[in-house]
C-alpha atoms as a PDB file:
ATOM      1  CA  UNK A   1     -24.176  -4.488   0.831  1.00  0.00           C
ATOM      2  CA  UNK A   2     -25.437  -1.783   3.191  1.00  0.00           C
ATOM      3  CA  UNK A   3     -27.148   1.297   1.783  1.00  0.00           C
ATOM      4  CA  UNK A   4     -27.362   4.780   3.311  1.00  0.00           C
ATOM      5  CA  UNK A   5     -30.324   6.779   4.497  1.00  0.00           C
ATOM      6  CA  UNK A   6     -33.101   7.979   2.187  1.00  0.00           C
ATOM      7  CA  UNK A   7     -32.599  11.733   2.618  1.00  0.00           C
ATOM      8  CA  UNK A   8     -32.091  13.513  -0.693  1.00  0.00           C
ATOM      9  CA  UNK A   9     -29.868  16.595  -0.993  1.00  0.00           C
ATOM     10  CA  UNK A  10     -31.297  19.876  -2.203  1.00  0.00           C
ATOM     11  CA  UNK A  11     -29.604  21.405  -5.242  1.00  0.00           C
ATOM     12  CA  UNK A  12     -28.385  24.984  -4.817  1.00  0.00           C
ATOM     13  CA  UNK A  13     -27.034  27.231  -7.510  1.00  0.00           C
ATOM     14  CA  UNK A  14     -27.857  29.815 -10.121  1.00  0.00           C
ATOM     15  CA  UNK A  15     -29.282  27.411 -12.703  1.00  0.00           C
ATOM     16  CA  UNK A  16     -32.893  28.169 -11.801  1.00  0.00           C
ATOM     17  CA  UNK A  17     -33.285  24.861 -10.006  1.00  0.00           C
ATOM     18  CA  UNK A  18     -33.190  26.171  -6.430  1.00  0.00           C
ATOM     19  CA  UNK A  19     -34.762  23.724  -4.011  1.00  0.00           C
ATOM     20  CA  UNK A  20     -35.062  20.884  -6.554  1.00  0.00           C
ATOM     21  CA  UNK A  21     -34.501  17.515  -4.946  1.00  0.00           C
ATOM     22  CA  UNK A  22     -31.760  15.550  -6.689  1.00  0.00           C
ATOM     23  CA  UNK A  23     -32.468  11.828  -7.073  1.00  0.00           C
ATOM     24  CA  UNK A  24     -28.767  10.878  -6.856  1.00  0.00           C
ATOM     25  CA  UNK A  25     -25.879  11.846  -4.615  1.00  0.00           C
ATOM     26  CA  UNK A  26     -22.534  10.330  -3.669  1.00  0.00           C
ATOM     27  CA  UNK A  27     -23.303   8.257  -0.608  1.00  0.00           C
ATOM     28  CA  UNK A  28     -20.051   6.328  -0.479  1.00  0.00           C
ATOM     29  CA  UNK A  29     -16.801   5.786  -2.313  1.00  0.00           C
ATOM     30  CA  UNK A  30     -15.847   2.106  -2.201  1.00  0.00           C
ATOM     31  CA  UNK A  31     -12.240   0.932  -2.004  1.00  0.00           C
ATOM     32  CA  UNK A  32     -11.340  -2.689  -2.719  1.00  0.00           C
ATOM     33  CA  UNK A  33      -8.955  -4.025  -0.099  1.00  0.00           C
ATOM     34  CA  UNK A  34      -7.164  -7.289   0.629  1.00  0.00           C
ATOM     35  CA  UNK A  35      -7.163  -7.028   4.437  1.00  0.00           C
ATOM     36  CA  UNK A  36     -10.448  -5.604   5.683  1.00  0.00           C
ATOM     37  CA  UNK A  37      -9.394  -5.255   9.340  1.00  0.00           C
ATOM     38  CA  UNK A  38      -6.102  -3.522   8.473  1.00  0.00           C
ATOM     39  CA  UNK A  39      -7.818  -1.187   5.987  1.00  0.00           C
ATOM     40  CA  UNK A  40     -10.529  -0.348   8.527  1.00  0.00           C
ATOM     41  CA  UNK A  41      -7.907   0.550  11.116  1.00  0.00           C
ATOM     42  CA  UNK A  42      -5.989   2.715   8.605  1.00  0.00           C
ATOM     43  CA  UNK A  43      -8.961   4.639   7.195  1.00  0.00           C
ATOM     44  CA  UNK A  44     -10.702   5.238  10.539  1.00  0.00           C
ATOM     45  CA  UNK A  45      -7.452   6.663  11.937  1.00  0.00           C
ATOM     46  CA  UNK A  46      -6.712   8.610   8.735  1.00  0.00           C
ATOM     47  CA  UNK A  47     -10.132  10.259   8.408  1.00  0.00           C
ATOM     48  CA  UNK A  48     -11.486  10.226  11.952  1.00  0.00           C
ATOM     49  CA  UNK A  49     -14.439   8.227  10.619  1.00  0.00           C
ATOM     50  CA  UNK A  50     -16.283   5.544  12.570  1.00  0.00           C
ATOM     51  CA  UNK A  51     -17.589   2.143  11.504  1.00  0.00           C
ATOM     52  CA  UNK A  52     -21.279   2.512  10.711  1.00  0.00           C
ATOM     53  CA  UNK A  53     -21.970  -0.996   9.395  1.00  0.00           C
ATOM     54  CA  UNK A  54     -19.772  -4.012   8.892  1.00  0.00           C
ATOM     55  CA  UNK A  55     -19.850  -7.645   7.946  1.00  0.00           C
ATOM     56  CA  UNK A  56     -17.095 -10.058   6.958  1.00  0.00           C
ATOM     57  CA  UNK A  57     -16.695  -8.627   3.431  1.00  0.00           C
ATOM     58  CA  UNK A  58     -17.842  -4.981   3.578  1.00  0.00           C
ATOM     59  CA  UNK A  59     -17.399  -2.063   5.989  1.00  0.00           C
ATOM     60  CA  UNK A  60     -19.073   1.346   5.792  1.00  0.00           C
ATOM     61  CA  UNK A  61     -17.090   4.154   7.415  1.00  0.00           C
ATOM     62  CA  UNK A  62     -18.869   7.413   8.146  1.00  0.00           C
ATOM     63  CA  UNK A  63     -18.034  10.867   9.396  1.00  0.00           C
ATOM     64  CA  UNK A  64     -19.341  10.935  12.990  1.00  0.00           C
ATOM     65  CA  UNK A  65     -20.941  14.332  12.275  1.00  0.00           C
ATOM     66  CA  UNK A  66     -22.412  13.016   8.990  1.00  0.00           C
ATOM     67  CA  UNK A  67     -21.116  16.003   7.016  1.00  0.00           C
ATOM     68  CA  UNK A  68     -19.124  14.073   4.405  1.00  0.00           C
ATOM     69  CA  UNK A  69     -19.636  11.139   2.081  1.00  0.00           C
ATOM     70  CA  UNK A  70     -19.018   7.653   3.433  1.00  0.00           C
ATOM     71  CA  UNK A  71     -15.924   5.659   2.549  1.00  0.00           C
ATOM     72  CA  UNK A  72     -16.608   1.948   2.258  1.00  0.00           C
ATOM     73  CA  UNK A  73     -14.166  -0.938   2.183  1.00  0.00           C
ATOM     74  CA  UNK A  74     -14.883  -4.093   0.229  1.00  0.00           C
ATOM     75  CA  UNK A  75     -12.943  -7.322   0.663  1.00  0.00           C
ATOM     76  CA  UNK A  76     -11.310  -8.329  -2.616  1.00  0.00           C
ATOM     77  CA  UNK A  77      -9.140 -11.332  -3.418  1.00  0.00           C
ATOM     78  CA  UNK A  78      -8.126  -9.786  -6.744  1.00  0.00           C
ATOM     79  CA  UNK A  79      -4.698  -8.165  -6.518  1.00  0.00           C
ATOM     80  CA  UNK A  80      -4.527  -4.477  -7.357  1.00  0.00           C
ATOM     81  CA  UNK A  81      -3.044  -3.886 -10.789  1.00  0.00           C
ATOM     82  CA  UNK A  82      -1.864  -0.544 -12.162  1.00  0.00           C
ATOM     83  CA  UNK A  83      -3.055   2.893 -11.124  1.00  0.00           C
ATOM     84  CA  UNK A  84      -6.520   3.483  -9.735  1.00  0.00           C
ATOM     85  CA  UNK A  85      -8.968   5.005 -12.188  1.00  0.00           C
ATOM     86  CA  UNK A  86     -10.582   6.837  -9.272  1.00  0.00           C
ATOM     87  CA  UNK A  87      -8.877   8.200  -6.164  1.00  0.00           C
ATOM     88  CA  UNK A  88      -9.617  10.290  -3.099  1.00  0.00           C
ATOM     89  CA  UNK A  89      -8.359  13.868  -2.763  1.00  0.00           C
ATOM     90  CA  UNK A  90      -7.960  14.658   0.933  1.00  0.00           C
ATOM     91  CA  UNK A  91      -7.647  18.357   1.803  1.00  0.00           C
ATOM     92  CA  UNK A  92      -5.413  19.590   4.616  1.00  0.00           C
ATOM     93  CA  UNK A  93      -4.389  22.994   5.956  1.00  0.00           C
ATOM     94  CA  UNK A  94      -1.069  21.502   7.126  1.00  0.00           C
ATOM     95  CA  UNK A  95      -0.260  19.180   4.256  1.00  0.00           C
ATOM     96  CA  UNK A  96       3.200  18.060   5.375  1.00  0.00           C
ATOM     97  CA  UNK A  97       2.023  17.252   8.898  1.00  0.00           C
ATOM     98  CA  UNK A  98      -0.903  15.226   7.523  1.00  0.00           C
ATOM     99  CA  UNK A  99       1.345  13.354   5.079  1.00  0.00           C
ATOM    100  CA  UNK A 100       3.710  12.484   7.948  1.00  0.00           C
ATOM    101  CA  UNK A 101       0.745  11.345  10.085  1.00  0.00           C
ATOM    102  CA  UNK A 102      -0.635   9.193   7.268  1.00  0.00           C
ATOM    103  CA  UNK A 103       2.792   7.662   6.655  1.00  0.00           C
ATOM    104  CA  UNK A 104       2.994   6.794  10.364  1.00  0.00           C
ATOM    105  CA  UNK A 105      -0.344   4.980   9.965  1.00  0.00           C
ATOM    106  CA  UNK A 106       0.984   2.899   7.057  1.00  0.00           C
ATOM    107  CA  UNK A 107       0.553   5.058   3.945  1.00  0.00           C
ATOM    108  CA  UNK A 108       3.384   5.137   1.424  1.00  0.00           C
ATOM    109  CA  UNK A 109       4.535   8.170  -0.536  1.00  0.00           C
ATOM    110  CA  UNK A 110       4.579   7.182  -4.201  1.00  0.00           C
ATOM    111  CA  UNK A 111       7.224   8.259  -6.687  1.00  0.00           C
ATOM    112  CA  UNK A 112       5.642  10.954  -8.813  1.00  0.00           C
ATOM    113  CA  UNK A 113       6.730  13.656 -11.239  1.00  0.00           C
ATOM    114  CA  UNK A 114       5.275  16.821  -9.760  1.00  0.00           C
ATOM    115  CA  UNK A 115       4.900  20.089 -11.653  1.00  0.00           C
ATOM    116  CA  UNK A 116       6.610  23.069  -9.966  1.00  0.00           C
ATOM    117  CA  UNK A 117       3.320  24.445  -8.623  1.00  0.00           C
ATOM    118  CA  UNK A 118       1.912  21.117  -7.367  1.00  0.00           C
ATOM    119  CA  UNK A 119      -0.392  21.485  -4.373  1.00  0.00           C
ATOM    120  CA  UNK A 120      -0.733  17.715  -3.880  1.00  0.00           C
ATOM    121  CA  UNK A 121       1.292  14.756  -2.654  1.00  0.00           C
ATOM    122  CA  UNK A 122       0.471  11.265  -3.946  1.00  0.00           C
ATOM    123  CA  UNK A 123       0.264   8.471  -1.383  1.00  0.00           C
ATOM    124  CA  UNK A 124      -1.046   4.915  -1.286  1.00  0.00           C
ATOM    125  CA  UNK A 125      -2.938   3.236   1.524  1.00  0.00           C
ATOM    126  CA  UNK A 126      -1.633  -0.109   2.880  1.00  0.00           C
ATOM    127  CA  UNK A 127      -3.522  -1.917   0.069  1.00  0.00           C
ATOM    128  CA  UNK A 128      -1.893   0.227  -2.620  1.00  0.00           C
ATOM    129  CA  UNK A 129      -4.943   2.403  -3.352  1.00  0.00           C
ATOM    130  CA  UNK A 130      -3.662   5.822  -4.436  1.00  0.00           C
ATOM    131  CA  UNK A 131      -4.917   9.043  -2.882  1.00  0.00           C
ATOM    132  CA  UNK A 132      -3.699  12.622  -2.750  1.00  0.00           C
ATOM    133  CA  UNK A 133      -3.251  15.060   0.103  1.00  0.00           C
ATOM    134  CA  UNK A 134      -4.040  18.527  -1.222  1.00  0.00           C
ATOM    135  CA  UNK A 135      -2.683  21.669   0.404  1.00  0.00           C
ATOM    136  CA  UNK A 136      -5.700  23.873   1.142  1.00  0.00           C
ATOM    137  CA  UNK A 137      -6.083  27.207   2.923  1.00  0.00           C
ATOM    138  CA  UNK A 138      -9.515  26.067   4.133  1.00  0.00           C
ATOM    139  CA  UNK A 139     -10.343  23.788   7.048  1.00  0.00           C
ATOM    140  CA  UNK A 140     -13.301  21.418   7.342  1.00  0.00           C
ATOM    141  CA  UNK A 141     -15.082  24.075   9.384  1.00  0.00           C
ATOM    142  CA  UNK A 142     -14.817  26.474   6.410  1.00  0.00           C
ATOM    143  CA  UNK A 143     -16.424  23.971   4.046  1.00  0.00           C
ATOM    144  CA  UNK A 144     -19.983  24.803   5.046  1.00  0.00           C
ATOM    145  CA  UNK A 145     -19.399  28.502   4.428  1.00  0.00           C
ATOM    146  CA  UNK A 146     -18.584  28.105   0.723  1.00  0.00           C
ATOM    147  CA  UNK A 147     -14.921  29.001   1.254  1.00  0.00           C
ATOM    148  CA  UNK A 148     -13.727  25.533   0.293  1.00  0.00           C
ATOM    149  CA  UNK A 149     -15.193  26.021  -3.181  1.00  0.00           C
ATOM    150  CA  UNK A 150     -13.064  29.094  -3.777  1.00  0.00           C
ATOM    151  CA  UNK A 151     -15.778  31.549  -2.788  1.00  0.00           C
ATOM    152  CA  UNK A 152     -14.901  34.620  -0.785  1.00  0.00           C
ATOM    153  CA  UNK A 153     -16.050  34.670   2.833  1.00  0.00           C
ATOM    154  CA  UNK A 154     -18.881  37.054   3.575  1.00  0.00           C
ATOM    155  CA  UNK A 155     -17.772  40.347   5.067  1.00  0.00           C
ATOM    156  CA  UNK A 156     -19.396  40.796   8.406  1.00  0.00           C
END
């Protein structure tokens, strides 16, 4: 298994712990997959990530700008059973266009009972791993400004 770099994030907030180095952070979310090559092709196209490290059983995908957590793919011979206990929420400013794009890459829209105010659509990757596409007013570029966390943009 390949591990990430040794940089530790700095905690920010109003808890009095400004500048405290956190010993843990999410470096990667690992998805078990049956077909490593097919899953690599799907997730690199879906996320715009690149392969950082790979061997015959494990692939680490990373954001080329290194702004977001890695997504790793692990070869598994065990068939997927039932719903995932953990899933990815992918945010999009044009949700329907992104869902259509992901479906063209091989994702499947899953049958789901949505509440009237649902801001998400449930899909599965080609291996059956569920994920959601969330409708968001904020783009990736807004994420660094705090807007993606529901904070108001600074008046300038």
